[in-house]
N, C-alpha and C. Protein backbone atom coordinates (compact mmCIF):
# COMPACT_ATOMS: atom_id res chain seq x y z
N MET A 1 -21.80 26.29 -15.48
CA MET A 1 -22.48 25.48 -14.47
C MET A 1 -22.10 26.01 -13.07
N ARG A 2 -23.11 26.17 -12.27
CA ARG A 2 -22.96 26.77 -10.90
C ARG A 2 -22.49 25.64 -9.93
N SER A 3 -21.43 25.96 -9.15
CA SER A 3 -20.88 24.96 -8.32
C SER A 3 -21.74 24.72 -7.08
N ASP A 4 -22.70 25.60 -6.77
CA ASP A 4 -23.52 25.47 -5.62
C ASP A 4 -24.80 24.59 -5.92
N VAL A 5 -24.99 24.23 -7.22
CA VAL A 5 -26.13 23.41 -7.57
C VAL A 5 -25.76 22.00 -7.41
N ILE A 6 -26.62 21.19 -6.70
CA ILE A 6 -26.36 19.78 -6.51
C ILE A 6 -26.55 19.06 -7.80
N MET A 7 -25.60 18.33 -8.25
CA MET A 7 -25.64 17.69 -9.56
C MET A 7 -25.83 16.14 -9.48
N PHE A 8 -26.50 15.67 -8.43
CA PHE A 8 -26.68 14.27 -8.27
C PHE A 8 -28.12 13.98 -7.65
N LYS A 9 -28.70 12.88 -7.99
CA LYS A 9 -29.93 12.48 -7.41
C LYS A 9 -29.78 10.91 -7.15
N PHE A 10 -30.18 10.49 -6.02
CA PHE A 10 -30.22 9.05 -5.70
C PHE A 10 -31.73 8.60 -5.71
N THR A 11 -31.93 7.53 -6.39
CA THR A 11 -33.31 6.93 -6.33
C THR A 11 -33.39 6.14 -5.04
N HIS A 12 -32.28 5.78 -4.41
CA HIS A 12 -32.24 5.24 -3.10
C HIS A 12 -30.94 5.66 -2.47
N VAL A 13 -30.86 5.60 -1.20
CA VAL A 13 -29.63 5.98 -0.50
C VAL A 13 -28.61 4.82 -0.57
N PRO A 14 -27.43 4.98 -1.32
CA PRO A 14 -26.53 3.84 -1.29
C PRO A 14 -25.90 3.62 0.14
N ARG A 15 -25.55 2.40 0.35
CA ARG A 15 -25.05 2.03 1.68
C ARG A 15 -23.64 2.63 1.88
N ALA A 16 -23.26 2.79 3.06
CA ALA A 16 -21.90 3.22 3.38
C ALA A 16 -20.87 2.31 2.72
N GLY A 17 -19.78 2.84 2.31
CA GLY A 17 -18.74 2.09 1.68
C GLY A 17 -18.91 2.02 0.13
N THR A 18 -20.05 2.47 -0.37
CA THR A 18 -20.24 2.58 -1.85
C THR A 18 -19.21 3.46 -2.45
N VAL A 19 -18.71 3.09 -3.56
CA VAL A 19 -17.76 3.88 -4.28
C VAL A 19 -18.45 4.83 -5.25
N VAL A 20 -18.13 6.07 -5.27
CA VAL A 20 -18.66 7.08 -6.14
C VAL A 20 -17.52 7.75 -6.90
N SER A 21 -17.88 8.30 -8.05
CA SER A 21 -16.83 8.96 -8.83
C SER A 21 -17.39 10.18 -9.54
N VAL A 22 -16.41 11.08 -9.88
CA VAL A 22 -16.72 12.32 -10.66
C VAL A 22 -15.58 12.43 -11.72
N SER A 23 -16.01 13.03 -12.76
CA SER A 23 -15.04 13.31 -13.84
C SER A 23 -14.16 14.50 -13.47
N ARG A 24 -12.91 14.42 -13.71
CA ARG A 24 -11.95 15.48 -13.55
C ARG A 24 -11.22 15.75 -14.95
N GLY A 25 -12.00 15.64 -15.95
CA GLY A 25 -11.41 15.90 -17.30
C GLY A 25 -10.94 14.60 -17.85
N ILE A 26 -9.60 14.36 -17.74
CA ILE A 26 -9.02 13.12 -18.37
C ILE A 26 -9.03 11.88 -17.47
N TYR A 27 -9.48 12.05 -16.23
CA TYR A 27 -9.55 10.98 -15.35
C TYR A 27 -10.79 11.09 -14.41
N ARG A 28 -11.12 9.98 -13.72
CA ARG A 28 -12.21 10.00 -12.76
C ARG A 28 -11.65 9.89 -11.38
N HIS A 29 -12.17 10.71 -10.53
CA HIS A 29 -11.74 10.75 -9.13
C HIS A 29 -12.82 9.92 -8.35
N VAL A 30 -12.30 8.97 -7.49
CA VAL A 30 -13.21 8.16 -6.76
C VAL A 30 -13.14 8.33 -5.23
N GLY A 31 -14.18 8.11 -4.59
CA GLY A 31 -14.26 8.25 -3.08
C GLY A 31 -15.22 7.21 -2.56
N ILE A 32 -15.39 7.19 -1.26
CA ILE A 32 -16.29 6.23 -0.54
C ILE A 32 -17.33 6.97 0.26
N LEU A 33 -18.59 6.59 0.03
CA LEU A 33 -19.70 7.20 0.90
C LEU A 33 -19.53 6.75 2.31
N THR A 34 -19.64 7.72 3.22
CA THR A 34 -19.55 7.42 4.65
C THR A 34 -20.84 6.85 5.32
N GLY A 35 -21.96 7.13 4.70
CA GLY A 35 -23.22 6.77 5.26
C GLY A 35 -23.73 7.77 6.26
N GLU A 36 -22.97 8.85 6.41
CA GLU A 36 -23.40 9.97 7.31
C GLU A 36 -23.80 11.13 6.48
N PHE A 37 -24.71 12.00 7.09
CA PHE A 37 -25.27 13.13 6.30
C PHE A 37 -25.10 14.39 7.14
N THR A 38 -24.89 15.49 6.42
CA THR A 38 -24.91 16.85 6.93
C THR A 38 -26.20 17.42 6.30
N GLY A 39 -27.23 17.54 6.96
CA GLY A 39 -28.57 17.89 6.32
C GLY A 39 -28.88 16.86 5.36
N PHE A 40 -29.08 17.27 4.09
CA PHE A 40 -29.38 16.30 3.04
C PHE A 40 -28.14 15.88 2.17
N ASP A 41 -26.96 16.31 2.67
CA ASP A 41 -25.74 16.05 1.94
C ASP A 41 -24.94 14.92 2.45
N ALA A 42 -24.69 13.93 1.69
CA ALA A 42 -23.91 12.71 2.12
C ALA A 42 -22.38 13.03 2.34
N GLY A 43 -21.70 12.23 3.11
CA GLY A 43 -20.36 12.37 3.36
C GLY A 43 -19.55 11.47 2.44
N VAL A 44 -18.34 11.86 2.04
CA VAL A 44 -17.46 11.06 1.20
C VAL A 44 -16.06 11.23 1.77
N ILE A 45 -15.28 10.09 1.67
CA ILE A 45 -13.89 10.10 2.04
C ILE A 45 -13.10 9.77 0.74
N SER A 46 -12.10 10.56 0.42
CA SER A 46 -11.29 10.34 -0.76
C SER A 46 -9.83 10.67 -0.49
N PHE A 47 -8.95 10.26 -1.39
CA PHE A 47 -7.54 10.51 -1.32
C PHE A 47 -7.12 11.18 -2.57
N SER A 48 -6.35 12.24 -2.38
CA SER A 48 -5.80 13.10 -3.53
C SER A 48 -4.51 13.77 -3.11
N SER A 49 -4.07 14.67 -3.82
CA SER A 49 -2.75 15.37 -3.48
C SER A 49 -3.01 16.17 -2.13
N ARG A 50 -4.20 16.37 -1.69
CA ARG A 50 -4.56 16.99 -0.44
C ARG A 50 -4.44 16.01 0.76
N GLY A 51 -4.23 14.74 0.41
CA GLY A 51 -4.27 13.68 1.46
C GLY A 51 -5.64 13.06 1.53
N VAL A 52 -5.88 12.37 2.66
CA VAL A 52 -7.23 11.78 2.89
C VAL A 52 -8.11 12.85 3.38
N VAL A 53 -9.24 13.02 2.62
CA VAL A 53 -10.15 14.13 2.86
C VAL A 53 -11.53 13.55 3.15
N GLU A 54 -12.20 14.05 4.12
CA GLU A 54 -13.64 13.69 4.37
C GLU A 54 -14.38 15.00 4.19
N GLU A 55 -15.37 14.93 3.21
CA GLU A 55 -16.06 16.15 2.82
C GLU A 55 -17.46 15.77 2.43
N THR A 56 -18.32 16.80 2.14
CA THR A 56 -19.72 16.47 1.71
C THR A 56 -19.61 16.05 0.23
N LEU A 57 -20.70 15.37 -0.20
CA LEU A 57 -20.72 14.90 -1.59
C LEU A 57 -20.78 16.09 -2.52
N THR A 58 -21.47 17.15 -2.14
CA THR A 58 -21.50 18.42 -2.92
C THR A 58 -20.12 18.95 -3.14
N SER A 59 -19.31 18.98 -2.15
CA SER A 59 -17.89 19.47 -2.22
C SER A 59 -17.07 18.53 -3.16
N PHE A 60 -17.22 17.20 -2.92
CA PHE A 60 -16.53 16.25 -3.70
C PHE A 60 -16.92 16.34 -5.20
N ALA A 61 -18.16 16.58 -5.45
CA ALA A 61 -18.63 16.73 -6.82
C ALA A 61 -18.14 17.93 -7.50
N ASN A 62 -18.01 19.02 -6.80
CA ASN A 62 -17.45 20.25 -7.31
C ASN A 62 -18.16 20.71 -8.54
N GLY A 63 -19.49 20.62 -8.53
CA GLY A 63 -20.31 21.01 -9.73
C GLY A 63 -20.43 20.04 -10.83
N THR A 64 -19.91 18.80 -10.66
CA THR A 64 -20.02 17.83 -11.67
C THR A 64 -20.96 16.69 -11.33
N THR A 65 -21.31 15.87 -12.20
CA THR A 65 -22.23 14.74 -11.92
C THR A 65 -21.52 13.65 -11.22
N VAL A 66 -22.15 13.12 -10.20
CA VAL A 66 -21.57 11.98 -9.41
C VAL A 66 -22.16 10.69 -9.97
N ARG A 67 -21.27 9.71 -10.20
CA ARG A 67 -21.67 8.43 -10.63
C ARG A 67 -21.42 7.38 -9.52
N ILE A 68 -22.44 6.52 -9.29
CA ILE A 68 -22.31 5.46 -8.31
C ILE A 68 -21.55 4.29 -9.02
N GLU A 69 -20.44 3.90 -8.52
CA GLU A 69 -19.63 2.88 -9.11
C GLU A 69 -19.91 1.49 -8.52
N GLY A 70 -20.48 1.42 -7.34
CA GLY A 70 -20.83 0.13 -6.75
C GLY A 70 -20.12 -0.11 -5.42
N TYR A 71 -20.24 -1.35 -5.02
CA TYR A 71 -19.59 -1.84 -3.73
C TYR A 71 -18.71 -2.95 -4.14
N PRO A 72 -17.40 -2.72 -4.29
CA PRO A 72 -16.55 -3.65 -4.85
C PRO A 72 -16.06 -4.80 -4.02
N GLY A 73 -16.11 -4.68 -2.72
CA GLY A 73 -15.60 -5.70 -1.80
C GLY A 73 -16.60 -6.45 -1.06
N GLN A 74 -16.14 -7.22 -0.14
CA GLN A 74 -17.02 -8.11 0.67
C GLN A 74 -17.08 -7.67 2.14
N LEU A 75 -16.22 -6.74 2.46
CA LEU A 75 -16.17 -6.25 3.90
C LEU A 75 -17.43 -5.53 4.25
N PRO A 76 -17.82 -5.54 5.51
CA PRO A 76 -19.09 -4.87 5.94
C PRO A 76 -18.80 -3.34 5.88
N PRO A 77 -19.90 -2.64 5.54
CA PRO A 77 -19.77 -1.16 5.44
C PRO A 77 -19.08 -0.41 6.55
N PRO A 78 -19.41 -0.71 7.85
CA PRO A 78 -18.74 -0.02 8.91
C PRO A 78 -17.18 -0.18 8.89
N LEU A 79 -16.79 -1.39 8.49
CA LEU A 79 -15.38 -1.75 8.51
C LEU A 79 -14.68 -0.97 7.31
N VAL A 80 -15.34 -0.91 6.14
CA VAL A 80 -14.74 -0.18 5.05
C VAL A 80 -14.59 1.32 5.42
N VAL A 81 -15.56 1.94 5.96
CA VAL A 81 -15.53 3.36 6.30
C VAL A 81 -14.49 3.55 7.40
N GLY A 82 -14.43 2.65 8.34
CA GLY A 82 -13.37 2.78 9.44
C GLY A 82 -12.01 2.66 8.85
N ARG A 83 -11.79 1.64 7.91
CA ARG A 83 -10.51 1.52 7.31
C ARG A 83 -10.06 2.77 6.51
N ALA A 84 -11.06 3.29 5.78
CA ALA A 84 -10.79 4.49 4.96
C ALA A 84 -10.33 5.68 5.95
N ARG A 85 -11.04 5.86 6.99
CA ARG A 85 -10.70 6.90 7.96
C ARG A 85 -9.36 6.68 8.61
N GLY A 86 -9.02 5.39 8.80
CA GLY A 86 -7.78 5.14 9.52
C GLY A 86 -6.58 4.82 8.67
N LEU A 87 -6.70 4.89 7.39
CA LEU A 87 -5.55 4.56 6.56
C LEU A 87 -4.52 5.69 6.64
N SER A 88 -3.26 5.25 6.90
CA SER A 88 -2.15 6.20 6.83
C SER A 88 -1.57 6.08 5.49
N MET A 89 -1.82 7.08 4.62
CA MET A 89 -1.48 7.03 3.25
C MET A 89 -0.04 7.67 3.05
N PRO A 90 0.69 7.10 2.13
CA PRO A 90 1.97 7.76 1.71
C PRO A 90 1.65 8.96 0.84
N THR A 91 2.60 9.63 0.38
CA THR A 91 2.45 10.78 -0.55
C THR A 91 1.69 10.35 -1.76
N TYR A 92 0.78 11.16 -2.18
CA TYR A 92 -0.05 10.86 -3.32
C TYR A 92 0.81 10.75 -4.56
N SER A 93 0.55 9.77 -5.37
CA SER A 93 1.25 9.58 -6.67
C SER A 93 0.19 9.06 -7.66
N TRP A 94 0.12 9.74 -8.78
CA TRP A 94 -0.94 9.37 -9.76
C TRP A 94 -0.73 7.87 -10.22
N LEU A 95 0.51 7.46 -10.32
CA LEU A 95 0.80 6.13 -10.77
C LEU A 95 0.85 5.09 -9.73
N SER A 96 1.43 5.36 -8.49
CA SER A 96 1.60 4.35 -7.58
C SER A 96 0.68 4.35 -6.31
N MET A 97 0.10 5.52 -6.04
CA MET A 97 -0.80 5.53 -4.87
C MET A 97 -1.79 6.72 -5.06
N ASN A 98 -2.93 6.34 -5.66
CA ASN A 98 -3.97 7.36 -6.01
C ASN A 98 -5.29 7.04 -5.37
N CYS A 99 -6.38 7.74 -5.77
CA CYS A 99 -7.65 7.50 -5.18
C CYS A 99 -8.17 6.08 -5.41
N GLU A 100 -7.86 5.48 -6.54
CA GLU A 100 -8.30 4.10 -6.76
C GLU A 100 -7.59 3.14 -5.82
N HIS A 101 -6.31 3.34 -5.64
CA HIS A 101 -5.57 2.56 -4.72
C HIS A 101 -6.23 2.63 -3.34
N PHE A 102 -6.54 3.82 -2.89
CA PHE A 102 -7.11 4.12 -1.60
C PHE A 102 -8.41 3.43 -1.40
N VAL A 103 -9.28 3.45 -2.41
CA VAL A 103 -10.57 2.85 -2.32
C VAL A 103 -10.43 1.32 -2.16
N ARG A 104 -9.51 0.77 -2.96
CA ARG A 104 -9.36 -0.74 -2.91
C ARG A 104 -8.70 -1.10 -1.58
N LEU A 105 -7.81 -0.38 -1.02
CA LEU A 105 -7.22 -0.62 0.31
C LEU A 105 -8.37 -0.66 1.33
N ALA A 106 -9.22 0.34 1.30
CA ALA A 106 -10.35 0.46 2.29
C ALA A 106 -11.29 -0.77 2.12
N HIS A 107 -11.47 -1.30 0.96
CA HIS A 107 -12.35 -2.43 0.76
C HIS A 107 -11.56 -3.77 0.94
N GLY A 108 -10.34 -3.72 1.30
CA GLY A 108 -9.52 -4.97 1.50
C GLY A 108 -9.28 -5.70 0.18
N LEU A 109 -9.16 -5.02 -0.95
CA LEU A 109 -8.92 -5.61 -2.19
C LEU A 109 -7.43 -5.40 -2.67
N PRO A 110 -6.98 -6.26 -3.62
CA PRO A 110 -5.62 -5.92 -4.10
C PRO A 110 -5.44 -4.50 -4.63
N VAL A 111 -4.36 -3.97 -4.31
CA VAL A 111 -4.16 -2.54 -4.63
C VAL A 111 -3.77 -2.39 -6.11
N GLU A 112 -4.61 -1.73 -6.89
CA GLU A 112 -4.37 -1.44 -8.23
C GLU A 112 -5.16 -0.24 -8.67
N SER A 113 -4.74 0.23 -9.82
CA SER A 113 -5.48 1.44 -10.43
C SER A 113 -5.70 1.18 -11.89
N PRO A 114 -6.93 0.81 -12.26
CA PRO A 114 -7.19 0.49 -13.70
C PRO A 114 -6.89 1.73 -14.59
N GLN A 115 -7.25 2.94 -14.06
CA GLN A 115 -7.00 4.21 -14.81
C GLN A 115 -5.50 4.39 -15.09
N ALA A 116 -4.67 4.25 -14.03
CA ALA A 116 -3.27 4.45 -14.26
C ALA A 116 -2.67 3.40 -15.20
N ARG A 117 -3.15 2.13 -14.99
CA ARG A 117 -2.67 1.07 -15.87
C ARG A 117 -3.09 1.37 -17.40
N ALA A 118 -4.26 1.87 -17.54
CA ALA A 118 -4.70 2.23 -18.93
C ALA A 118 -3.90 3.38 -19.54
N TRP A 119 -3.64 4.41 -18.74
CA TRP A 119 -2.83 5.55 -19.19
C TRP A 119 -1.38 5.13 -19.48
N PHE A 120 -0.88 4.32 -18.61
CA PHE A 120 0.53 3.79 -18.85
C PHE A 120 0.59 3.00 -20.14
N ALA A 121 -0.38 2.10 -20.33
CA ALA A 121 -0.43 1.33 -21.64
C ALA A 121 -0.56 2.21 -22.88
N ALA A 122 -1.40 3.27 -22.72
CA ALA A 122 -1.60 4.16 -23.81
C ALA A 122 -0.28 4.93 -24.09
N ALA A 123 0.37 5.35 -23.05
CA ALA A 123 1.68 6.08 -23.31
C ALA A 123 2.74 5.18 -23.92
N ILE A 124 2.77 3.95 -23.52
CA ILE A 124 3.73 2.96 -24.15
C ILE A 124 3.41 2.76 -25.60
N GLY A 125 2.06 2.60 -25.90
CA GLY A 125 1.61 2.51 -27.21
C GLY A 125 1.96 3.65 -28.13
N LEU A 126 1.78 4.87 -27.63
CA LEU A 126 2.11 6.10 -28.29
C LEU A 126 3.57 6.18 -28.56
N ILE A 127 4.38 5.89 -27.58
CA ILE A 127 5.94 5.86 -27.82
C ILE A 127 6.31 4.90 -28.88
N MET A 128 5.70 3.74 -28.84
CA MET A 128 6.06 2.65 -29.83
C MET A 128 5.65 3.15 -31.26
N THR A 129 4.40 3.74 -31.40
CA THR A 129 3.94 4.21 -32.59
C THR A 129 4.82 5.32 -33.17
N VAL A 130 5.21 6.25 -32.35
CA VAL A 130 6.02 7.44 -32.77
C VAL A 130 7.43 6.76 -33.18
N SER A 131 7.94 5.88 -32.41
CA SER A 131 9.26 5.27 -32.69
C SER A 131 9.22 4.56 -33.99
N LEU A 132 8.20 3.80 -34.27
CA LEU A 132 8.09 3.05 -35.48
C LEU A 132 7.83 3.97 -36.68
N ALA A 133 7.10 4.98 -36.49
CA ALA A 133 6.81 5.95 -37.57
C ALA A 133 8.05 6.76 -37.94
N SER A 134 8.96 6.95 -36.99
CA SER A 134 10.13 7.74 -37.27
C SER A 134 11.21 6.95 -38.05
N ARG A 135 11.05 5.60 -38.00
CA ARG A 135 12.01 4.76 -38.73
C ARG A 135 11.66 4.68 -40.17
N THR A 136 10.40 5.05 -40.58
CA THR A 136 10.02 4.89 -41.96
C THR A 136 10.34 6.13 -42.78
């Protein structure tokens, strides 16, 4: 798959603050649309081990399909984008401060990461299964 090929199509332009995601293998990376465009390419703000990054949707997608996740909060779009740009984020941590936490902070929602919670539960389940199996 060529990374310079745009892998997304919008039937309408989603409003600023809309959450988008891309698959990164075993997890989904999420970001927030800024509502600004460079030519025909939308802007996205996200948080990763690189810190808070504002880039084009093409760069965010990195050759993968972009999925529109929706608009999870009630704050107005300019406020969400402003909050995302102004957030002073701690060091990235997959479990305690990741891209999902960032998006929820920007939207004024309780900070949580459904993906991290699911992976943690799966790890506990695996440990318990292995522990029980080793006793038999």
